[in-house]
Amino acid sequence: MFTLDHIISDRGSKYAVSGSPCADLDEARELIAQLKARSKKFAKATHHSWGLIAASGPLKDDDGESGAGNIILKILEREGLSNHLVVVTRWYGGKHLGGDRFRHVRDAVMAYLAETAGSAPMRSGL
């Protein structure tokens, strides 16, 4: 998985975003397990929220960060990006972020898309 680490920091919380081509729920689970196994730091993260538009339909998991999976899915749908898993990882910093957490999830996904835009074709139909 390609990862952008510590891209956002707010009131002690830190965010990273990762992604990889992915076809289905089983592969998504395996990729997330690999992400967590990558380092103790990722294993200890508070949330690994993710979204994937697979052939079987949209899949997501908020992992305790209510609404985060929907935000990821909406961006993937808007960008026409299918068969690609995007995971936003958060390390909770001790202070509630309220609605700002949604902005951070959005910004993390957009940073990932901007960083990977020049790589191998990811959008459906390409």
N, C-alpha and C. Protein backbone atom coordinates (compact mmCIF):
# COMPACT_ATOMS: atom_id res chain seq x y z
N MET A 1 0.84 -1.19 0.00
CA MET A 1 0.00 0.00 0.00
C MET A 1 0.88 1.24 0.00
N PHE A 2 0.43 2.22 -0.75
CA PHE A 2 1.10 3.51 -0.76
C PHE A 2 0.54 4.33 0.39
N THR A 3 1.41 4.96 1.19
CA THR A 3 0.98 5.69 2.37
C THR A 3 1.58 7.08 2.42
N LEU A 4 0.75 8.05 2.76
CA LEU A 4 1.21 9.40 3.10
C LEU A 4 1.01 9.52 4.61
N ASP A 5 2.10 9.63 5.34
CA ASP A 5 2.06 9.61 6.81
C ASP A 5 2.11 11.02 7.36
N HIS A 6 1.44 11.25 8.48
CA HIS A 6 1.42 12.54 9.20
C HIS A 6 1.12 13.70 8.27
N ILE A 7 0.06 13.56 7.50
CA ILE A 7 -0.28 14.64 6.59
C ILE A 7 -1.13 15.72 7.24
N ILE A 8 -1.81 15.36 8.33
CA ILE A 8 -2.66 16.32 9.05
C ILE A 8 -2.44 16.12 10.53
N SER A 9 -2.35 17.24 11.25
CA SER A 9 -2.24 17.20 12.70
C SER A 9 -3.14 18.29 13.26
N ASP A 10 -3.97 17.92 14.23
CA ASP A 10 -4.92 18.87 14.80
C ASP A 10 -5.22 18.48 16.24
N ARG A 11 -4.92 19.36 17.17
CA ARG A 11 -5.22 19.17 18.60
C ARG A 11 -4.75 17.80 19.10
N GLY A 12 -3.60 17.41 18.64
CA GLY A 12 -3.00 16.16 19.10
C GLY A 12 -3.32 14.96 18.23
N SER A 13 -4.39 15.01 17.46
CA SER A 13 -4.71 13.91 16.55
C SER A 13 -3.83 14.02 15.31
N LYS A 14 -3.43 12.86 14.80
CA LYS A 14 -2.62 12.81 13.59
C LYS A 14 -3.29 11.89 12.59
N TYR A 15 -3.12 12.21 11.30
CA TYR A 15 -3.76 11.46 10.23
C TYR A 15 -2.73 10.99 9.22
N ALA A 16 -3.02 9.83 8.65
CA ALA A 16 -2.30 9.30 7.50
C ALA A 16 -3.34 8.77 6.53
N VAL A 17 -2.95 8.59 5.28
CA VAL A 17 -3.85 8.01 4.28
C VAL A 17 -3.06 7.01 3.46
N SER A 18 -3.70 5.90 3.16
CA SER A 18 -3.07 4.82 2.40
C SER A 18 -4.05 4.34 1.34
N GLY A 19 -3.51 3.68 0.32
CA GLY A 19 -4.38 3.13 -0.70
C GLY A 19 -3.67 2.11 -1.54
N SER A 20 -4.50 1.33 -2.24
CA SER A 20 -3.98 0.27 -3.08
C SER A 20 -5.09 -0.22 -4.00
N PRO A 21 -4.72 -0.70 -5.19
CA PRO A 21 -5.73 -1.39 -6.00
C PRO A 21 -6.33 -2.53 -5.17
N CYS A 22 -7.63 -2.74 -5.32
CA CYS A 22 -8.32 -3.73 -4.50
C CYS A 22 -9.62 -4.12 -5.20
N ALA A 23 -9.92 -5.41 -5.20
CA ALA A 23 -11.09 -5.89 -5.95
C ALA A 23 -12.32 -6.17 -5.11
N ASP A 24 -12.12 -6.55 -3.83
CA ASP A 24 -13.29 -7.00 -3.06
C ASP A 24 -13.04 -6.87 -1.56
N LEU A 25 -14.05 -7.25 -0.78
CA LEU A 25 -13.99 -7.13 0.67
C LEU A 25 -12.87 -7.97 1.28
N ASP A 26 -12.69 -9.19 0.81
CA ASP A 26 -11.63 -10.04 1.36
C ASP A 26 -10.26 -9.42 1.14
N GLU A 27 -10.03 -8.90 -0.06
CA GLU A 27 -8.74 -8.26 -0.34
C GLU A 27 -8.58 -6.99 0.50
N ALA A 28 -9.66 -6.23 0.68
CA ALA A 28 -9.60 -5.03 1.52
C ALA A 28 -9.20 -5.39 2.95
N ARG A 29 -9.80 -6.42 3.49
CA ARG A 29 -9.45 -6.85 4.85
C ARG A 29 -7.99 -7.25 4.95
N GLU A 30 -7.50 -7.95 3.93
CA GLU A 30 -6.09 -8.38 3.92
C GLU A 30 -5.15 -7.17 3.82
N LEU A 31 -5.48 -6.21 2.98
CA LEU A 31 -4.65 -5.01 2.85
C LEU A 31 -4.62 -4.21 4.15
N ILE A 32 -5.75 -4.11 4.82
CA ILE A 32 -5.79 -3.37 6.10
C ILE A 32 -5.00 -4.12 7.16
N ALA A 33 -5.07 -5.44 7.17
CA ALA A 33 -4.26 -6.24 8.11
C ALA A 33 -2.78 -6.01 7.85
N GLN A 34 -2.40 -5.93 6.57
CA GLN A 34 -1.00 -5.66 6.23
C GLN A 34 -0.58 -4.27 6.69
N LEU A 35 -1.48 -3.31 6.53
CA LEU A 35 -1.19 -1.95 6.98
C LEU A 35 -0.93 -1.92 8.48
N LYS A 36 -1.79 -2.60 9.24
CA LYS A 36 -1.62 -2.65 10.70
C LYS A 36 -0.36 -3.41 11.10
N ALA A 37 0.03 -4.40 10.31
CA ALA A 37 1.22 -5.20 10.62
C ALA A 37 2.50 -4.47 10.22
N ARG A 38 2.38 -3.42 9.43
CA ARG A 38 3.54 -2.69 8.93
C ARG A 38 4.42 -2.16 10.06
N SER A 39 3.77 -1.64 11.10
CA SER A 39 4.52 -1.08 12.23
C SER A 39 3.62 -1.03 13.46
N LYS A 40 4.25 -0.96 14.62
CA LYS A 40 3.48 -0.84 15.86
C LYS A 40 2.65 0.44 15.84
N LYS A 41 3.20 1.47 15.22
CA LYS A 41 2.49 2.75 15.16
C LYS A 41 1.14 2.58 14.48
N PHE A 42 1.10 1.92 13.33
CA PHE A 42 -0.18 1.72 12.63
C PHE A 42 -1.07 0.74 13.37
N ALA A 43 -0.47 -0.23 14.00
CA ALA A 43 -1.27 -1.20 14.77
C ALA A 43 -1.98 -0.51 15.94
N LYS A 44 -1.37 0.53 16.50
CA LYS A 44 -1.94 1.22 17.65
C LYS A 44 -2.84 2.40 17.28
N ALA A 45 -3.05 2.64 16.01
CA ALA A 45 -3.92 3.74 15.59
C ALA A 45 -5.33 3.53 16.13
N THR A 46 -6.01 4.62 16.39
CA THR A 46 -7.36 4.57 16.93
C THR A 46 -8.37 4.14 15.89
N HIS A 47 -8.22 4.64 14.65
CA HIS A 47 -9.20 4.36 13.59
C HIS A 47 -8.49 4.09 12.27
N HIS A 48 -9.02 3.13 11.53
CA HIS A 48 -8.63 2.87 10.13
C HIS A 48 -9.94 2.87 9.34
N SER A 49 -10.41 4.04 8.97
CA SER A 49 -11.65 4.17 8.21
C SER A 49 -11.33 3.97 6.74
N TRP A 50 -12.22 3.28 6.01
CA TRP A 50 -11.89 3.01 4.61
C TRP A 50 -13.13 2.96 3.73
N GLY A 51 -12.86 3.09 2.43
CA GLY A 51 -13.90 2.97 1.42
C GLY A 51 -13.35 2.30 0.18
N LEU A 52 -14.24 1.61 -0.54
CA LEU A 52 -13.88 0.89 -1.75
C LEU A 52 -15.13 0.75 -2.61
N ILE A 53 -15.02 1.10 -3.88
CA ILE A 53 -16.11 0.83 -4.82
C ILE A 53 -15.69 -0.40 -5.61
N ALA A 54 -16.24 -1.54 -5.24
CA ALA A 54 -15.92 -2.82 -5.87
C ALA A 54 -16.98 -3.15 -6.92
N ALA A 55 -16.72 -4.19 -7.69
CA ALA A 55 -17.69 -4.62 -8.69
C ALA A 55 -19.03 -4.99 -8.05
N SER A 56 -18.97 -5.47 -6.82
CA SER A 56 -20.19 -5.86 -6.10
C SER A 56 -20.93 -4.67 -5.50
N GLY A 57 -20.32 -3.48 -5.55
CA GLY A 57 -20.93 -2.27 -5.01
C GLY A 57 -20.02 -1.58 -4.02
N PRO A 58 -20.48 -0.47 -3.44
CA PRO A 58 -19.66 0.28 -2.49
C PRO A 58 -19.51 -0.46 -1.16
N LEU A 59 -18.31 -0.42 -0.62
CA LEU A 59 -18.00 -1.04 0.67
C LEU A 59 -17.29 0.01 1.52
N LYS A 60 -17.54 -0.02 2.83
CA LYS A 60 -16.90 0.94 3.73
C LYS A 60 -16.87 0.39 5.14
N ASP A 61 -16.02 1.00 5.96
CA ASP A 61 -16.00 0.73 7.39
C ASP A 61 -15.52 1.99 8.08
N ASP A 62 -16.31 2.50 9.02
CA ASP A 62 -15.95 3.70 9.77
C ASP A 62 -14.90 3.42 10.83
N ASP A 63 -14.82 2.19 11.30
CA ASP A 63 -13.91 1.78 12.37
C ASP A 63 -13.99 2.74 13.56
N GLY A 64 -15.21 3.06 13.95
CA GLY A 64 -15.42 3.90 15.13
C GLY A 64 -15.41 5.39 14.86
N GLU A 65 -15.05 5.80 13.66
CA GLU A 65 -15.03 7.22 13.28
C GLU A 65 -16.29 7.48 12.46
N SER A 66 -17.41 7.60 13.17
CA SER A 66 -18.74 7.66 12.57
C SER A 66 -18.81 8.61 11.37
N GLY A 67 -19.21 8.07 10.22
CA GLY A 67 -19.39 8.86 9.01
C GLY A 67 -18.18 8.94 8.11
N ALA A 68 -17.03 8.53 8.58
CA ALA A 68 -15.80 8.67 7.78
C ALA A 68 -15.83 7.82 6.52
N GLY A 69 -16.34 6.60 6.62
CA GLY A 69 -16.42 5.73 5.45
C GLY A 69 -17.27 6.33 4.35
N ASN A 70 -18.39 6.97 4.72
CA ASN A 70 -19.25 7.62 3.73
C ASN A 70 -18.54 8.75 3.02
N ILE A 71 -17.75 9.51 3.74
CA ILE A 71 -17.01 10.61 3.13
C ILE A 71 -16.04 10.06 2.10
N ILE A 72 -15.33 9.00 2.46
CA ILE A 72 -14.38 8.38 1.53
C ILE A 72 -15.11 7.89 0.29
N LEU A 73 -16.23 7.18 0.48
CA LEU A 73 -16.99 6.67 -0.65
C LEU A 73 -17.49 7.78 -1.57
N LYS A 74 -17.98 8.87 -1.01
CA LYS A 74 -18.48 9.97 -1.83
C LYS A 74 -17.39 10.54 -2.72
N ILE A 75 -16.19 10.66 -2.17
CA ILE A 75 -15.08 11.18 -2.97
C ILE A 75 -14.70 10.19 -4.07
N LEU A 76 -14.64 8.91 -3.72
CA LEU A 76 -14.31 7.89 -4.72
C LEU A 76 -15.35 7.88 -5.84
N GLU A 77 -16.63 7.99 -5.49
CA GLU A 77 -17.69 8.02 -6.49
C GLU A 77 -17.56 9.26 -7.38
N ARG A 78 -17.34 10.41 -6.75
CA ARG A 78 -17.22 11.66 -7.51
C ARG A 78 -16.04 11.61 -8.48
N GLU A 79 -14.95 10.98 -8.04
CA GLU A 79 -13.74 10.89 -8.88
C GLU A 79 -13.80 9.73 -9.86
N GLY A 80 -14.82 8.88 -9.76
CA GLY A 80 -14.94 7.73 -10.65
C GLY A 80 -13.88 6.68 -10.41
N LEU A 81 -13.45 6.57 -9.18
CA LEU A 81 -12.36 5.65 -8.83
C LEU A 81 -12.94 4.36 -8.24
N SER A 82 -12.81 3.29 -8.98
CA SER A 82 -13.30 2.00 -8.50
C SER A 82 -12.14 1.02 -8.40
N ASN A 83 -12.40 -0.06 -7.67
CA ASN A 83 -11.39 -1.10 -7.45
C ASN A 83 -10.10 -0.55 -6.86
N HIS A 84 -10.26 0.39 -5.95
CA HIS A 84 -9.12 1.00 -5.27
C HIS A 84 -9.52 1.31 -3.83
N LEU A 85 -8.83 0.71 -2.89
CA LEU A 85 -9.09 0.91 -1.47
C LEU A 85 -8.38 2.17 -0.99
N VAL A 86 -9.08 3.02 -0.25
CA VAL A 86 -8.47 4.18 0.40
C VAL A 86 -8.77 4.08 1.89
N VAL A 87 -7.71 4.17 2.70
CA VAL A 87 -7.81 4.05 4.16
C VAL A 87 -7.29 5.32 4.80
N VAL A 88 -8.10 5.94 5.66
CA VAL A 88 -7.66 7.10 6.43
C VAL A 88 -7.44 6.63 7.86
N THR A 89 -6.20 6.77 8.32
CA THR A 89 -5.82 6.33 9.66
C THR A 89 -5.73 7.55 10.57
N ARG A 90 -6.30 7.41 11.78
CA ARG A 90 -6.25 8.49 12.76
C ARG A 90 -5.72 7.97 14.09
N TRP A 91 -4.81 8.75 14.65
CA TRP A 91 -4.35 8.53 16.02
C TRP A 91 -5.00 9.63 16.86
N TYR A 92 -5.91 9.24 17.73
CA TYR A 92 -6.67 10.20 18.55
C TYR A 92 -5.72 10.90 19.51
N GLY A 93 -5.83 12.23 19.56
CA GLY A 93 -4.93 13.03 20.37
C GLY A 93 -5.46 13.47 21.71
N GLY A 94 -6.66 13.00 22.09
CA GLY A 94 -7.17 13.33 23.41
C GLY A 94 -8.22 14.42 23.44
N LYS A 95 -8.41 15.11 22.31
CA LYS A 95 -9.42 16.17 22.26
C LYS A 95 -10.36 15.89 21.09
N HIS A 96 -11.65 16.04 21.34
CA HIS A 96 -12.64 15.83 20.29
C HIS A 96 -12.51 16.93 19.24
N LEU A 97 -12.62 16.54 17.97
CA LEU A 97 -12.46 17.48 16.87
C LEU A 97 -13.79 17.93 16.29
N GLY A 98 -14.88 17.31 16.74
CA GLY A 98 -16.19 17.68 16.22
C GLY A 98 -16.24 17.49 14.71
N GLY A 99 -16.87 18.42 14.03
CA GLY A 99 -17.01 18.34 12.58
C GLY A 99 -15.71 18.48 11.82
N ASP A 100 -14.67 19.00 12.47
CA ASP A 100 -13.37 19.14 11.80
C ASP A 100 -12.82 17.78 11.37
N ARG A 101 -13.20 16.72 12.06
CA ARG A 101 -12.68 15.40 11.69
C ARG A 101 -13.13 15.00 10.30
N PHE A 102 -14.32 15.44 9.89
CA PHE A 102 -14.80 15.14 8.54
C PHE A 102 -13.98 15.89 7.49
N ARG A 103 -13.63 17.11 7.79
CA ARG A 103 -12.78 17.89 6.88
C ARG A 103 -11.42 17.22 6.75
N HIS A 104 -10.89 16.71 7.86
CA HIS A 104 -9.58 16.05 7.83
C HIS A 104 -9.63 14.76 7.01
N VAL A 105 -10.71 14.00 7.13
CA VAL A 105 -10.85 12.79 6.32
C VAL A 105 -10.89 13.17 4.84
N ARG A 106 -11.69 14.16 4.51
CA ARG A 106 -11.78 14.63 3.12
C ARG A 106 -10.41 15.10 2.62
N ASP A 107 -9.74 15.92 3.41
CA ASP A 107 -8.43 16.44 2.99
C ASP A 107 -7.41 15.33 2.83
N ALA A 108 -7.46 14.31 3.68
CA ALA A 108 -6.54 13.19 3.56
C ALA A 108 -6.76 12.43 2.26
N VAL A 109 -8.02 12.16 1.93
CA VAL A 109 -8.33 11.44 0.70
C VAL A 109 -7.92 12.28 -0.51
N MET A 110 -8.19 13.57 -0.48
CA MET A 110 -7.81 14.42 -1.61
C MET A 110 -6.30 14.50 -1.75
N ALA A 111 -5.56 14.51 -0.66
CA ALA A 111 -4.09 14.50 -0.73
C ALA A 111 -3.60 13.21 -1.37
N TYR A 112 -4.23 12.09 -1.00
CA TYR A 112 -3.85 10.80 -1.59
C TYR A 112 -4.10 10.82 -3.10
N LEU A 113 -5.27 11.29 -3.51
CA LEU A 113 -5.60 11.32 -4.93
C LEU A 113 -4.67 12.24 -5.69
N ALA A 114 -4.32 13.38 -5.10
CA ALA A 114 -3.41 14.31 -5.77
C ALA A 114 -2.02 13.69 -5.91
N GLU A 115 -1.58 13.00 -4.89
CA GLU A 115 -0.24 12.40 -4.90
C GLU A 115 -0.15 11.24 -5.89
N THR A 116 -1.23 10.51 -6.06
CA THR A 116 -1.19 9.32 -6.91
C THR A 116 -1.74 9.57 -8.31
N ALA A 117 -2.14 10.80 -8.61
CA ALA A 117 -2.75 11.10 -9.90
C ALA A 117 -1.85 10.77 -11.08
N GLY A 118 -0.56 10.90 -10.94
CA GLY A 118 0.35 10.65 -12.05
C GLY A 118 0.81 9.22 -12.16
N SER A 119 0.36 8.36 -11.23
CA SER A 119 0.79 6.97 -11.26
C SER A 119 -0.07 6.15 -12.21
N ALA A 120 0.03 4.86 -12.13
CA ALA A 120 -0.72 3.96 -13.02
C ALA A 120 -2.20 4.32 -13.03
N PRO A 121 -2.88 4.12 -14.16
CA PRO A 121 -4.31 4.48 -14.24
C PRO A 121 -5.11 3.79 -13.13
N MET A 122 -5.89 4.59 -12.39
CA MET A 122 -6.68 4.06 -11.29
C MET A 122 -8.17 4.23 -11.56
N ARG A 123 -8.52 5.19 -12.37
CA ARG A 123 -9.93 5.47 -12.55
C ARG A 123 -10.59 4.45 -13.46
N SER A 124 -11.83 4.18 -13.16
CA SER A 124 -12.54 3.19 -13.97
C SER A 124 -12.62 3.67 -15.41
N GLY A 125 -12.56 2.73 -16.32
CA GLY A 125 -12.64 3.06 -17.72
C GLY A 125 -11.31 3.40 -18.36
N LEU A 126 -10.25 3.47 -17.59
CA LEU A 126 -8.93 3.78 -18.17
C LEU A 126 -8.14 2.52 -18.41
